[in-house]
Amino acid sequence: MRPVADEVVCADKPGLLASISKSFSEHGVNISQAKCRATENNRAVNTFQVAVGHVDQLRTVIQAIQGIDGVLSVARV
């Protein structure tokens, strides 16, 4: 497993963090650390430290998170 940091920028609304977390879980990706903060413009910036087995797994989970309503961007940092 390789450690990877991903940043997810999204709307600041109830349930969105749970949906993002569920997507990681459904794709077999473990979250080892999460830092979440709301910004003044009703957005949230979430940085996740995750463990992935291979780059294809990372690509797949990023695509899934990008498809969640309210997610604005996902990037590896």
Protein backbone atom coordinates (compact mmCIF):
# COMPACT_ATOMS: atom_id res chain seq x y z
CA MET A 1 0.00 0.00 0.00
CA ARG A 2 1.18 3.50 -0.83
CA PRO A 3 0.27 6.63 1.12
CA VAL A 4 -1.33 9.38 -0.97
CA ALA A 5 -2.77 12.79 -0.10
CA ASP A 6 -5.90 13.98 -1.89
CA GLU A 7 -7.62 17.34 -1.61
CA VAL A 8 -11.37 17.52 -2.16
CA VAL A 9 -13.01 20.93 -2.51
CA CYS A 10 -16.77 20.81 -2.19
CA ALA A 11 -19.88 22.64 -1.08
CA ASP A 12 -20.25 22.96 2.67
CA LYS A 13 -23.47 21.01 3.15
CA PRO A 14 -24.69 18.25 5.45
CA GLY A 15 -23.92 14.68 4.39
CA LEU A 16 -21.29 15.50 1.78
CA LEU A 17 -18.33 14.43 3.92
CA ALA A 18 -20.12 11.14 4.63
CA SER A 19 -20.63 10.56 0.89
CA ILE A 20 -16.95 11.21 0.16
CA SER A 21 -15.87 8.89 2.97
CA LYS A 22 -18.25 6.20 1.74
CA SER A 23 -16.77 6.43 -1.75
CA PHE A 24 -13.25 5.82 -0.42
CA SER A 25 -14.55 2.83 1.55
CA GLU A 26 -16.50 1.34 -1.37
CA HIS A 27 -13.31 1.35 -3.45
CA GLY A 28 -11.22 -0.37 -0.78
CA VAL A 29 -9.26 2.77 0.10
CA ASN A 30 -8.48 3.34 3.78
CA ILE A 31 -8.44 6.89 5.15
CA SER A 32 -5.62 7.20 7.68
CA GLN A 33 -6.05 10.93 8.32
CA ALA A 34 -8.54 13.64 7.38
CA LYS A 35 -8.35 17.40 7.78
CA CYS A 36 -11.58 19.22 7.01
CA ARG A 37 -12.32 22.92 7.18
CA ALA A 38 -15.11 25.17 6.03
CA THR A 39 -14.27 28.38 4.19
CA GLU A 40 -16.09 31.69 4.25
CA ASN A 41 -17.68 31.15 0.83
CA ASN A 42 -19.80 28.09 1.83
CA ARG A 43 -17.20 25.65 0.61
CA ALA A 44 -15.19 23.00 2.40
CA VAL A 45 -11.59 21.97 1.81
CA ASN A 46 -10.87 18.37 2.83
CA THR A 47 -7.42 16.81 2.77
CA PHE A 48 -7.32 13.03 3.09
CA GLN A 49 -4.28 10.84 3.71
CA VAL A 50 -5.21 7.49 2.17
CA ALA A 51 -3.56 4.17 1.38
CA VAL A 52 -3.94 2.77 -2.14
CA GLY A 53 -2.67 -0.46 -3.64
CA HIS A 54 -2.08 0.86 -7.17
CA VAL A 55 -2.58 3.93 -9.34
CA ASP A 56 -5.67 2.49 -11.05
CA GLN A 57 -7.39 2.22 -7.67
CA LEU A 58 -6.57 5.88 -7.01
CA ARG A 59 -7.89 6.96 -10.43
CA THR A 60 -11.11 5.04 -9.92
CA VAL A 61 -11.84 6.50 -6.50
CA ILE A 62 -11.02 10.04 -7.69
CA GLN A 63 -13.47 9.64 -10.59
CA ALA A 64 -16.13 8.36 -8.20
CA ILE A 65 -15.65 11.30 -5.83
CA GLN A 66 -15.77 13.77 -8.74
CA GLY A 67 -19.19 12.35 -9.58
CA ILE A 68 -20.67 13.20 -6.18
CA ASP A 69 -23.11 16.11 -6.31
CA GLY A 70 -21.52 19.10 -4.59
CA VAL A 71 -17.88 18.10 -5.19
CA LEU A 72 -16.09 20.87 -7.07
CA SER A 73 -12.60 19.40 -7.48
CA VAL A 74 -10.41 16.47 -6.49
CA ALA A 75 -6.63 16.59 -6.76
CA ARG A 76 -3.66 14.60 -5.57
CA VAL A 77 -1.45 16.85 -3.44
